[in-house]
Amino acid sequence: QVQLVESGGGLVQAGGALRLSCAASGPISPADSVGWLLQAPGKERTLVVGLSRLDTIYADSVRGRFTVSRDYAENKVYLQMNDLKPDDTAIYYCTVGDAWGQGTQVTVST
């Protein structure tokens, strides 16, 4: 199974931006579904964005602010996060197929 490593998290002020990266240990196929999920403190893991061959689905809370992309040459998945809000504070996980990364912390201050 492919191994995933997220990076790019950190502390940012509200209104700022971050770009999360997810590096895969092997090739990412166009047939693979990829996604980003978040887990806020004390809450369950929820979908941020899911991207398949047929569709891209964003959570209502991030639509228009976050953008997912894939780089097949680099075997990476990205999440560009703009206009960040304190409610975006969470651990962010990427998924490719059935594989999960270990997560990267995003903290948005007021």
N, C-alpha and C. Protein backbone atom coordinates (compact mmCIF):
# COMPACT_ATOMS: atom_id res chain seq x y z
N GLN A 1 0.84 -1.18 0.00
CA GLN A 1 0.00 0.00 0.00
C GLN A 1 0.88 1.25 0.00
N VAL A 2 0.44 2.25 -0.72
CA VAL A 2 1.22 3.48 -0.80
C VAL A 2 1.26 4.15 0.57
N GLN A 3 2.39 4.75 0.90
CA GLN A 3 2.54 5.51 2.13
C GLN A 3 2.38 6.99 1.80
N LEU A 4 1.73 7.73 2.70
CA LEU A 4 1.47 9.14 2.48
C LEU A 4 2.07 9.97 3.61
N VAL A 5 2.66 11.09 3.27
CA VAL A 5 3.23 11.99 4.27
C VAL A 5 2.75 13.41 3.97
N GLU A 6 2.02 13.98 4.91
CA GLU A 6 1.55 15.35 4.75
C GLU A 6 2.57 16.34 5.31
N SER A 7 2.55 17.53 4.76
CA SER A 7 3.39 18.62 5.27
C SER A 7 2.72 19.94 4.91
N GLY A 8 3.26 21.01 5.47
CA GLY A 8 2.75 22.34 5.13
C GLY A 8 1.86 22.97 6.17
N GLY A 9 1.53 22.21 7.21
CA GLY A 9 0.71 22.79 8.27
C GLY A 9 1.50 23.79 9.09
N GLY A 10 0.80 24.48 9.96
CA GLY A 10 1.46 25.45 10.81
C GLY A 10 0.47 26.40 11.45
N LEU A 11 1.02 27.49 11.97
CA LEU A 11 0.22 28.52 12.62
C LEU A 11 0.10 29.71 11.69
N VAL A 12 -1.13 30.16 11.49
CA VAL A 12 -1.36 31.29 10.59
C VAL A 12 -2.47 32.15 11.19
N GLN A 13 -2.42 33.43 10.88
CA GLN A 13 -3.48 34.32 11.34
C GLN A 13 -4.71 34.18 10.45
N ALA A 14 -5.85 34.50 11.02
CA ALA A 14 -7.09 34.48 10.26
C ALA A 14 -6.94 35.37 9.02
N GLY A 15 -7.44 34.85 7.91
CA GLY A 15 -7.30 35.55 6.64
C GLY A 15 -6.08 35.13 5.85
N GLY A 16 -5.19 34.40 6.48
CA GLY A 16 -3.99 33.95 5.81
C GLY A 16 -4.21 32.70 4.97
N ALA A 17 -3.11 32.18 4.45
CA ALA A 17 -3.19 31.02 3.56
C ALA A 17 -2.10 30.01 3.90
N LEU A 18 -2.39 28.76 3.61
CA LEU A 18 -1.42 27.69 3.71
C LEU A 18 -1.62 26.74 2.54
N ARG A 19 -0.55 26.06 2.17
CA ARG A 19 -0.64 25.03 1.15
C ARG A 19 -0.14 23.72 1.74
N LEU A 20 -1.04 22.79 1.88
CA LEU A 20 -0.68 21.48 2.39
C LEU A 20 -0.24 20.59 1.23
N SER A 21 0.75 19.78 1.50
CA SER A 21 1.23 18.81 0.51
C SER A 21 1.10 17.40 1.07
N CYS A 22 0.85 16.49 0.19
CA CYS A 22 0.76 15.08 0.55
C CYS A 22 1.62 14.32 -0.45
N ALA A 23 2.72 13.77 0.03
CA ALA A 23 3.64 13.04 -0.83
C ALA A 23 3.38 11.55 -0.72
N ALA A 24 3.19 10.92 -1.87
CA ALA A 24 2.94 9.49 -1.92
C ALA A 24 4.22 8.74 -2.24
N SER A 25 4.37 7.55 -1.66
CA SER A 25 5.57 6.76 -1.88
C SER A 25 5.58 6.06 -3.23
N GLY A 26 4.43 6.08 -3.91
CA GLY A 26 4.33 5.45 -5.21
C GLY A 26 3.45 6.27 -6.13
N PRO A 27 3.27 5.81 -7.34
CA PRO A 27 2.49 6.57 -8.32
C PRO A 27 1.04 6.74 -7.89
N ILE A 28 0.50 7.91 -8.18
CA ILE A 28 -0.92 8.18 -7.98
C ILE A 28 -1.58 8.08 -9.34
N SER A 29 -2.50 7.16 -9.45
CA SER A 29 -3.18 6.94 -10.72
C SER A 29 -4.37 7.89 -10.85
N PRO A 30 -4.69 8.30 -12.08
CA PRO A 30 -5.91 9.10 -12.27
C PRO A 30 -7.16 8.36 -11.80
N ALA A 31 -7.09 7.06 -11.69
CA ALA A 31 -8.23 6.29 -11.20
C ALA A 31 -8.36 6.34 -9.69
N ASP A 32 -7.30 6.77 -9.01
CA ASP A 32 -7.34 6.82 -7.54
C ASP A 32 -8.20 7.99 -7.08
N SER A 33 -9.06 7.73 -6.13
CA SER A 33 -9.75 8.83 -5.46
C SER A 33 -8.81 9.42 -4.42
N VAL A 34 -8.78 10.72 -4.34
CA VAL A 34 -7.94 11.39 -3.33
C VAL A 34 -8.82 12.33 -2.53
N GLY A 35 -8.36 12.65 -1.35
CA GLY A 35 -9.15 13.55 -0.53
C GLY A 35 -8.36 14.12 0.61
N TRP A 36 -8.94 15.09 1.22
CA TRP A 36 -8.43 15.68 2.45
C TRP A 36 -9.56 15.68 3.47
N LEU A 37 -9.22 15.30 4.67
CA LEU A 37 -10.18 15.33 5.77
C LEU A 37 -9.55 16.09 6.92
N LEU A 38 -10.40 16.57 7.82
CA LEU A 38 -9.88 17.25 8.98
C LEU A 38 -10.50 16.67 10.25
N GLN A 39 -9.78 16.81 11.33
CA GLN A 39 -10.29 16.42 12.64
C GLN A 39 -9.98 17.54 13.61
N ALA A 40 -11.04 18.24 13.99
CA ALA A 40 -10.90 19.32 14.97
C ALA A 40 -10.88 18.72 16.37
N PRO A 41 -10.33 19.45 17.33
CA PRO A 41 -10.24 18.94 18.70
C PRO A 41 -11.60 18.52 19.24
N GLY A 42 -11.68 17.30 19.71
CA GLY A 42 -12.91 16.79 20.31
C GLY A 42 -14.00 16.43 19.33
N LYS A 43 -13.67 16.45 18.04
CA LYS A 43 -14.70 16.17 17.03
C LYS A 43 -14.27 15.02 16.14
N GLU A 44 -15.23 14.50 15.39
CA GLU A 44 -14.94 13.41 14.47
C GLU A 44 -14.28 13.93 13.20
N ARG A 45 -13.63 13.01 12.53
CA ARG A 45 -12.99 13.36 11.26
C ARG A 45 -14.06 13.62 10.21
N THR A 46 -13.91 14.71 9.46
CA THR A 46 -14.89 15.07 8.44
C THR A 46 -14.20 15.39 7.12
N LEU A 47 -14.95 15.26 6.06
CA LEU A 47 -14.42 15.48 4.72
C LEU A 47 -14.24 16.96 4.44
N VAL A 48 -13.09 17.31 3.92
CA VAL A 48 -12.84 18.66 3.41
C VAL A 48 -13.11 18.69 1.91
N VAL A 49 -12.48 17.75 1.21
CA VAL A 49 -12.65 17.67 -0.23
C VAL A 49 -12.37 16.25 -0.67
N GLY A 50 -13.16 15.78 -1.62
CA GLY A 50 -12.94 14.49 -2.24
C GLY A 50 -12.87 14.66 -3.73
N LEU A 51 -11.88 14.05 -4.34
CA LEU A 51 -11.67 14.20 -5.78
C LEU A 51 -11.59 12.82 -6.40
N SER A 52 -12.47 12.57 -7.35
CA SER A 52 -12.43 11.32 -8.09
C SER A 52 -12.34 11.64 -9.58
N ARG A 53 -12.35 10.59 -10.37
CA ARG A 53 -12.27 10.80 -11.82
C ARG A 53 -13.49 11.57 -12.32
N LEU A 54 -14.61 11.43 -11.62
CA LEU A 54 -15.87 12.00 -12.10
C LEU A 54 -16.23 13.32 -11.46
N ASP A 55 -15.73 13.58 -10.26
CA ASP A 55 -16.26 14.73 -9.54
C ASP A 55 -15.30 15.21 -8.48
N THR A 56 -15.48 16.45 -8.08
CA THR A 56 -14.78 17.01 -6.94
C THR A 56 -15.82 17.59 -6.00
N ILE A 57 -15.77 17.16 -4.76
CA ILE A 57 -16.76 17.59 -3.78
C ILE A 57 -16.06 18.30 -2.64
N TYR A 58 -16.49 19.51 -2.39
CA TYR A 58 -15.96 20.30 -1.27
C TYR A 58 -17.01 20.40 -0.17
N ALA A 59 -16.55 20.42 1.05
CA ALA A 59 -17.45 20.72 2.17
C ALA A 59 -17.94 22.16 2.01
N ASP A 60 -19.17 22.41 2.41
CA ASP A 60 -19.73 23.75 2.29
C ASP A 60 -18.86 24.79 2.98
N SER A 61 -18.26 24.40 4.08
CA SER A 61 -17.51 25.36 4.89
C SER A 61 -16.22 25.83 4.21
N VAL A 62 -15.75 25.08 3.21
CA VAL A 62 -14.48 25.46 2.58
C VAL A 62 -14.62 25.82 1.10
N ARG A 63 -15.80 25.57 0.54
CA ARG A 63 -15.98 25.83 -0.89
C ARG A 63 -15.71 27.30 -1.19
N GLY A 64 -14.91 27.51 -2.23
CA GLY A 64 -14.53 28.87 -2.60
C GLY A 64 -13.25 29.35 -1.93
N ARG A 65 -12.82 28.65 -0.89
CA ARG A 65 -11.60 29.05 -0.19
C ARG A 65 -10.48 28.02 -0.35
N PHE A 66 -10.84 26.75 -0.46
CA PHE A 66 -9.85 25.67 -0.57
C PHE A 66 -9.89 25.09 -1.97
N THR A 67 -8.72 24.65 -2.44
CA THR A 67 -8.63 24.03 -3.76
C THR A 67 -7.71 22.82 -3.69
N VAL A 68 -8.19 21.69 -4.17
CA VAL A 68 -7.38 20.48 -4.21
C VAL A 68 -6.77 20.33 -5.61
N SER A 69 -5.57 19.78 -5.65
CA SER A 69 -4.94 19.52 -6.94
C SER A 69 -4.02 18.31 -6.80
N ARG A 70 -3.68 17.74 -7.95
CA ARG A 70 -2.80 16.57 -7.99
C ARG A 70 -1.65 16.84 -8.95
N ASP A 71 -0.49 16.31 -8.64
CA ASP A 71 0.67 16.38 -9.52
C ASP A 71 1.13 14.95 -9.74
N TYR A 72 0.78 14.39 -10.90
CA TYR A 72 1.10 12.99 -11.15
C TYR A 72 2.60 12.79 -11.30
N ALA A 73 3.30 13.76 -11.84
CA ALA A 73 4.76 13.62 -12.04
C ALA A 73 5.48 13.55 -10.69
N GLU A 74 4.98 14.30 -9.71
CA GLU A 74 5.63 14.34 -8.40
C GLU A 74 4.98 13.39 -7.40
N ASN A 75 3.90 12.71 -7.80
CA ASN A 75 3.15 11.84 -6.88
C ASN A 75 2.71 12.60 -5.64
N LYS A 76 2.13 13.77 -5.85
CA LYS A 76 1.71 14.59 -4.74
C LYS A 76 0.27 15.07 -4.91
N VAL A 77 -0.36 15.32 -3.79
CA VAL A 77 -1.67 15.94 -3.74
C VAL A 77 -1.54 17.19 -2.88
N TYR A 78 -2.18 18.25 -3.31
CA TYR A 78 -2.07 19.52 -2.60
C TYR A 78 -3.44 20.00 -2.15
N LEU A 79 -3.42 20.81 -1.10
CA LEU A 79 -4.62 21.51 -0.67
C LEU A 79 -4.23 22.96 -0.43
N GLN A 80 -4.67 23.83 -1.32
CA GLN A 80 -4.45 25.26 -1.15
C GLN A 80 -5.58 25.80 -0.31
N MET A 81 -5.23 26.42 0.80
CA MET A 81 -6.24 26.93 1.73
C MET A 81 -6.06 28.44 1.84
N ASN A 82 -7.06 29.18 1.42
CA ASN A 82 -7.04 30.64 1.46
C ASN A 82 -8.08 31.15 2.44
N ASP A 83 -7.91 32.40 2.85
CA ASP A 83 -8.86 33.05 3.74
C ASP A 83 -9.18 32.14 4.93
N LEU A 84 -8.15 31.69 5.58
CA LEU A 84 -8.34 30.75 6.69
C LEU A 84 -9.06 31.40 7.86
N LYS A 85 -9.85 30.58 8.54
CA LYS A 85 -10.64 31.02 9.67
C LYS A 85 -10.27 30.19 10.91
N PRO A 86 -10.49 30.74 12.09
CA PRO A 86 -10.18 29.95 13.30
C PRO A 86 -10.89 28.59 13.32
N ASP A 87 -12.07 28.49 12.74
CA ASP A 87 -12.78 27.21 12.70
C ASP A 87 -12.10 26.19 11.80
N ASP A 88 -11.14 26.62 11.01
CA ASP A 88 -10.38 25.67 10.17
C ASP A 88 -9.30 24.95 10.97
N THR A 89 -9.09 25.37 12.21
CA THR A 89 -8.07 24.73 13.04
C THR A 89 -8.38 23.26 13.24
N ALA A 90 -7.42 22.41 12.86
CA ALA A 90 -7.64 20.97 12.92
C ALA A 90 -6.36 20.26 12.47
N ILE A 91 -6.38 18.95 12.62
CA ILE A 91 -5.37 18.12 11.96
C ILE A 91 -5.94 17.72 10.61
N TYR A 92 -5.14 17.90 9.58
CA TYR A 92 -5.58 17.60 8.22
C TYR A 92 -4.89 16.34 7.73
N TYR A 93 -5.69 15.44 7.17
CA TYR A 93 -5.20 14.16 6.67
C TYR A 93 -5.48 14.05 5.18
N CYS A 94 -4.54 13.52 4.44
CA CYS A 94 -4.82 13.22 3.04
C CYS A 94 -5.07 11.73 2.87
N THR A 95 -5.82 11.41 1.85
CA THR A 95 -6.09 10.02 1.50
C THR A 95 -5.89 9.85 0.00
N VAL A 96 -5.34 8.70 -0.36
CA VAL A 96 -5.23 8.28 -1.74
C VAL A 96 -5.68 6.83 -1.77
N GLY A 97 -6.80 6.58 -2.44
CA GLY A 97 -7.37 5.24 -2.38
C GLY A 97 -7.70 4.89 -0.93
N ASP A 98 -7.16 3.78 -0.44
CA ASP A 98 -7.40 3.36 0.93
C ASP A 98 -6.30 3.81 1.89
N ALA A 99 -5.31 4.51 1.40
CA ALA A 99 -4.18 4.92 2.24
C ALA A 99 -4.45 6.25 2.91
N TRP A 100 -3.91 6.38 4.13
CA TRP A 100 -4.04 7.61 4.92
C TRP A 100 -2.66 8.09 5.35
N GLY A 101 -2.53 9.41 5.44
CA GLY A 101 -1.33 9.96 6.01
C GLY A 101 -1.45 10.10 7.51
N GLN A 102 -0.39 10.64 8.13
CA GLN A 102 -0.38 10.76 9.59
C GLN A 102 -0.98 12.07 10.05
N GLY A 103 -1.22 12.98 9.13
CA GLY A 103 -1.85 14.25 9.47
C GLY A 103 -0.85 15.37 9.69
N THR A 104 -1.32 16.59 9.47
CA THR A 104 -0.52 17.79 9.72
C THR A 104 -1.42 18.81 10.40
N GLN A 105 -0.89 19.46 11.42
CA GLN A 105 -1.68 20.38 12.24
C GLN A 105 -1.76 21.75 11.57
N VAL A 106 -2.97 22.26 11.51
CA VAL A 106 -3.22 23.63 11.05
C VAL A 106 -3.89 24.37 12.20
N THR A 107 -3.30 25.49 12.56
CA THR A 107 -3.86 26.32 13.63
C THR A 107 -4.04 27.73 13.10
N VAL A 108 -5.26 28.24 13.21
CA VAL A 108 -5.57 29.57 12.72
C VAL A 108 -5.93 30.44 13.92
N SER A 109 -5.16 31.49 14.11
CA SER A 109 -5.37 32.38 15.25
C SER A 109 -6.22 33.57 14.84
N THR A 110 -6.87 34.17 15.82
CA THR A 110 -7.71 35.35 15.54
C THR A 110 -6.86 36.60 15.47
